[in-house]
Amino acid sequence: MNNHSTNPELRFDPTTGLAPAIVQDAATGQVLMLGYFNAEAWQLTQQERRVTFFSRSKQRLWTKGESSGNYLEVISLHVDCDADTVLIRAVPAGPTCHRGSVSCFDQPGQLVEPQAPVGFLAALDRLILERQAHPEFSPTSYTVSLFEKGLAKIAQKVGEEAVETVIDAVAGHRTTLPGEVADLLYHLLVLLAVTDVSLEEVIAVLQERHRLPNTRHLG
């Protein structure tokens, strides 16, 4: 876990003894919830790598998921520039909100989900990996059927979707191109899963190429 030890120690409000903490899905970037640390909860979260807050309603330490099992496993902790707020990047074990939704900010009737569009790729990747690990949960899923057919068929589908994407792009088919690209991205994620290559590894390569001077790969 990265505690960002070069940052100042967390400062707690002198009146309440608390400091706010924002929890973000480490994979998708979606904001999941807001909670509060006191000194003991802050220490426990760092030690156990599982989010524990001080509950203002219960007036006690409260480990997120202690009743539901939907824990928040800590990936990294980031204290802000004023040292009075924390950003927690975490992996949720299930829905974060007590209403059963992914995020406490995901309210019924909202037209836009509180997640950046690019974060959906990470969410889709997570779902594909779940289908691979537990095909019995969704036996009629198209994704499960692809895994059953094996690597050769999945690779063939990637090739087919890549060709269709190129054809639409060259032909100037603006209306159908997004659909072809979506098909290609989806099948690429399945290919990554079956070859045991993570989306994070691919992103890491892109990030490294972006950092390199005079690279031919990225602008």
Protein backbone atom coordinates (compact mmCIF):
# COMPACT_ATOMS: atom_id res chain seq x y z
CA MET A 1 0.00 0.00 0.00
CA ASN A 2 1.27 3.46 -0.84
CA ASN A 3 0.80 5.74 2.17
CA HIS A 4 2.51 8.67 0.45
CA SER A 5 4.84 9.07 3.43
CA THR A 6 6.30 12.28 1.98
CA ASN A 7 2.96 14.00 2.65
CA PRO A 8 2.36 15.67 6.05
CA GLU A 9 0.58 13.72 8.76
CA LEU A 10 -3.19 13.96 8.78
CA ARG A 11 -4.55 16.80 10.93
CA PHE A 12 -7.88 16.34 12.70
CA ASP A 13 -10.43 19.07 13.40
CA PRO A 14 -9.63 20.44 16.88
CA THR A 15 -13.33 20.54 17.81
CA THR A 16 -14.59 17.19 16.50
CA GLY A 17 -11.32 15.25 16.33
CA LEU A 18 -12.29 14.09 12.84
CA ALA A 19 -11.00 14.42 9.27
CA PRO A 20 -13.08 13.70 6.14
CA ALA A 21 -12.09 10.95 3.72
CA ILE A 22 -13.26 10.41 0.14
CA VAL A 23 -13.28 6.82 -1.13
CA GLN A 24 -12.60 6.25 -4.82
CA ASP A 25 -12.74 2.98 -6.74
CA ALA A 26 -9.09 2.30 -7.60
CA ALA A 27 -9.98 0.72 -10.94
CA THR A 28 -12.75 2.93 -12.30
CA GLY A 29 -12.07 6.23 -10.56
CA GLN A 30 -15.69 6.41 -9.41
CA VAL A 31 -16.28 8.22 -6.11
CA LEU A 32 -17.91 5.69 -3.78
CA MET A 33 -18.57 7.43 -0.48
CA LEU A 34 -17.51 9.97 2.13
CA GLY A 35 -16.51 9.00 5.65
CA TYR A 36 -14.62 10.37 8.64
CA PHE A 37 -11.42 9.33 10.41
CA ASN A 38 -10.48 9.92 13.98
CA ALA A 39 -6.89 9.17 14.97
CA GLU A 40 -7.61 5.54 15.86
CA ALA A 41 -9.58 4.79 12.68
CA TRP A 42 -6.81 6.41 10.60
CA GLN A 43 -4.20 4.20 12.26
CA LEU A 44 -6.28 1.02 11.86
CA THR A 45 -6.95 1.71 8.18
CA GLN A 46 -3.23 2.06 7.52
CA GLN A 47 -2.38 -1.08 9.47
CA GLU A 48 -5.16 -3.38 8.24
CA ARG A 49 -5.43 -2.10 4.65
CA ARG A 50 -9.20 -2.16 5.09
CA VAL A 51 -11.20 1.05 5.48
CA THR A 52 -12.32 1.75 9.05
CA PHE A 53 -14.08 5.01 9.85
CA PHE A 54 -15.39 6.70 12.95
CA SER A 55 -19.18 6.58 12.68
CA ARG A 56 -20.74 9.86 13.80
CA SER A 57 -24.16 8.22 14.18
CA LYS A 58 -22.93 5.15 16.08
CA GLN A 59 -20.20 7.09 17.93
CA ARG A 60 -17.73 4.25 17.50
CA LEU A 61 -15.20 2.78 15.09
CA TRP A 62 -16.91 1.27 12.07
CA THR A 63 -15.26 -0.96 9.48
CA LYS A 64 -17.04 -0.49 6.16
CA GLY A 65 -18.62 -3.84 5.33
CA GLU A 66 -18.60 -5.26 8.85
CA SER A 67 -22.28 -6.21 8.47
CA SER A 68 -22.64 -6.70 4.70
CA GLY A 69 -19.21 -8.14 3.91
CA ASN A 70 -18.72 -5.42 1.30
CA TYR A 71 -15.33 -4.32 2.58
CA LEU A 72 -13.15 -1.65 1.02
CA GLU A 73 -9.60 -2.95 0.54
CA VAL A 74 -7.11 -0.09 0.54
CA ILE A 75 -4.81 0.39 -2.44
CA SER A 76 -3.39 3.80 -1.48
CA LEU A 77 -3.97 6.73 0.84
CA HIS A 78 -3.40 10.34 -0.22
CA VAL A 79 -3.40 13.23 2.26
CA ASP A 80 -4.28 16.56 0.63
CA CYS A 81 -2.13 19.71 0.54
CA ASP A 82 -3.72 21.11 3.73
CA ALA A 83 -3.23 17.79 5.54
CA ASP A 84 -6.86 17.75 6.68
CA THR A 85 -8.56 15.47 4.10
CA VAL A 86 -7.76 12.01 2.73
CA LEU A 87 -8.38 10.42 -0.66
CA ILE A 88 -8.64 6.63 -0.39
CA ARG A 89 -8.18 4.52 -3.50
CA ALA A 90 -9.81 1.18 -2.73
CA VAL A 91 -11.17 -2.03 -4.24
CA PRO A 92 -14.78 -2.61 -3.17
CA ALA A 93 -15.85 -6.18 -2.39
CA GLY A 94 -19.42 -5.36 -3.40
CA PRO A 95 -21.86 -2.45 -3.49
CA THR A 96 -20.62 0.39 -1.31
CA CYS A 97 -23.96 2.04 -0.55
CA HIS A 98 -26.34 0.46 2.00
CA ARG A 99 -29.06 0.74 -0.68
CA GLY A 100 -27.19 -1.81 -2.79
CA SER A 101 -25.83 0.64 -5.37
CA VAL A 102 -22.21 0.91 -6.40
CA SER A 103 -21.82 4.45 -5.08
CA CYS A 104 -23.53 6.47 -2.37
CA PHE A 105 -23.71 9.25 -4.97
CA ASP A 106 -25.62 7.08 -7.46
CA GLN A 107 -29.15 8.29 -6.82
CA PRO A 108 -32.27 6.86 -8.51
CA GLY A 109 -33.47 9.04 -11.36
CA GLN A 110 -30.10 10.60 -12.11
CA LEU A 111 -29.47 10.87 -15.83
CA VAL A 112 -25.70 10.51 -15.55
CA GLU A 113 -23.86 7.98 -13.40
CA PRO A 114 -21.17 9.49 -11.12
CA GLN A 115 -18.37 7.80 -13.02
CA ALA A 116 -16.08 9.15 -15.71
CA PRO A 117 -16.88 7.45 -19.05
CA VAL A 118 -13.37 6.00 -19.33
CA GLY A 119 -13.91 4.36 -15.94
CA PHE A 120 -16.55 2.15 -17.55
CA LEU A 121 -13.77 0.27 -19.36
CA ALA A 122 -12.28 -0.72 -16.02
CA ALA A 123 -15.73 -1.74 -14.76
CA LEU A 124 -16.29 -3.81 -17.90
CA ASP A 125 -12.88 -5.41 -17.49
CA ARG A 126 -13.78 -6.34 -13.91
CA LEU A 127 -17.06 -7.91 -15.09
CA ILE A 128 -15.25 -9.92 -17.79
CA LEU A 129 -12.81 -11.26 -15.19
CA GLU A 130 -15.75 -12.23 -12.96
CA ARG A 131 -17.36 -14.10 -15.86
CA GLN A 132 -14.06 -15.92 -16.43
CA ALA A 133 -13.63 -16.86 -12.77
CA HIS A 134 -17.28 -17.83 -12.14
CA PRO A 135 -18.95 -18.96 -15.38
CA GLU A 136 -21.54 -20.85 -13.34
CA PHE A 137 -23.07 -17.53 -12.23
CA SER A 138 -23.95 -16.53 -15.82
CA PRO A 139 -23.95 -19.70 -17.94
CA THR A 140 -25.82 -18.07 -20.86
CA SER A 141 -23.49 -15.06 -21.03
CA TYR A 142 -21.83 -14.30 -24.39
CA THR A 143 -18.59 -13.64 -22.50
CA VAL A 144 -18.74 -17.07 -20.88
CA SER A 145 -19.34 -18.66 -24.28
CA LEU A 146 -16.23 -16.95 -25.65
CA PHE A 147 -14.09 -18.29 -22.81
CA GLU A 148 -15.49 -21.77 -23.47
CA LYS A 149 -14.42 -21.55 -27.13
CA GLY A 150 -10.87 -20.71 -26.15
CA LEU A 151 -8.01 -18.45 -27.18
CA ALA A 152 -8.04 -19.17 -30.92
CA LYS A 153 -11.70 -18.17 -31.30
CA ILE A 154 -11.25 -15.06 -29.14
CA ALA A 155 -8.21 -14.00 -31.18
CA GLN A 156 -10.20 -14.56 -34.37
CA LYS A 157 -12.98 -12.31 -33.08
CA VAL A 158 -10.46 -9.55 -32.28
CA GLY A 159 -9.14 -9.79 -35.83
CA GLU A 160 -12.63 -9.65 -37.32
CA GLU A 161 -13.63 -6.64 -35.23
CA ALA A 162 -10.36 -4.86 -36.06
CA VAL A 163 -10.97 -5.33 -39.79
CA GLU A 164 -14.57 -4.08 -39.51
CA THR A 165 -13.35 -1.05 -37.56
CA VAL A 166 -10.78 -0.21 -40.22
CA ILE A 167 -13.33 -0.63 -43.02
CA ASP A 168 -15.81 1.75 -41.36
CA ALA A 169 -13.08 4.29 -40.63
CA VAL A 170 -11.69 4.31 -44.16
CA ALA A 171 -15.18 4.41 -45.67
CA GLY A 172 -16.14 7.36 -43.46
CA HIS A 173 -19.03 5.53 -41.81
CA ARG A 174 -19.27 7.92 -38.87
CA THR A 175 -22.54 6.55 -37.51
CA THR A 176 -21.46 2.91 -37.29
CA LEU A 177 -17.79 3.38 -36.36
CA PRO A 178 -18.41 3.82 -32.60
CA GLY A 179 -20.20 0.47 -32.51
CA GLU A 180 -17.35 -1.28 -34.29
CA VAL A 181 -14.79 0.27 -31.96
CA ALA A 182 -16.91 -0.81 -28.96
CA ASP A 183 -16.93 -4.39 -30.27
CA LEU A 184 -13.16 -4.26 -30.77
CA LEU A 185 -12.48 -2.90 -27.28
CA TYR A 186 -14.72 -5.49 -25.67
CA HIS A 187 -13.08 -8.41 -27.47
CA LEU A 188 -9.63 -7.02 -26.69
CA LEU A 189 -10.53 -7.06 -22.99
CA VAL A 190 -11.61 -10.69 -23.31
CA LEU A 191 -8.33 -11.47 -25.08
CA LEU A 192 -6.38 -9.85 -22.25
CA ALA A 193 -8.27 -11.94 -19.70
CA VAL A 194 -7.69 -15.25 -21.47
CA THR A 195 -3.97 -14.50 -21.89
CA ASP A 196 -3.64 -13.40 -18.24
CA VAL A 197 -2.57 -9.86 -19.13
CA SER A 198 -4.21 -7.14 -17.04
CA LEU A 199 -5.62 -3.87 -18.30
CA GLU A 200 -3.37 -2.20 -15.73
CA GLU A 201 -0.29 -3.63 -17.46
CA VAL A 202 -1.40 -2.17 -20.79
CA ILE A 203 -2.08 1.22 -19.21
CA ALA A 204 1.33 1.10 -17.50
CA VAL A 205 2.99 0.66 -20.91
CA LEU A 206 1.07 3.64 -22.29
CA GLN A 207 2.03 5.73 -19.27
CA GLU A 208 5.68 4.80 -19.59
CA ARG A 209 5.69 5.64 -23.30
CA HIS A 210 4.04 8.96 -22.51
CA ARG A 211 6.85 9.78 -20.07
CA LEU A 212 9.66 8.87 -22.49
CA PRO A 213 11.06 11.81 -24.50
CA ASN A 214 10.99 11.68 -28.29
CA THR A 215 8.80 8.57 -28.31
CA ARG A 216 7.24 7.51 -31.56
CA HIS A 217 4.28 5.91 -29.85
CA LEU A 218 2.53 8.84 -28.17
CA GLY A 219 2.38 12.56 -28.75
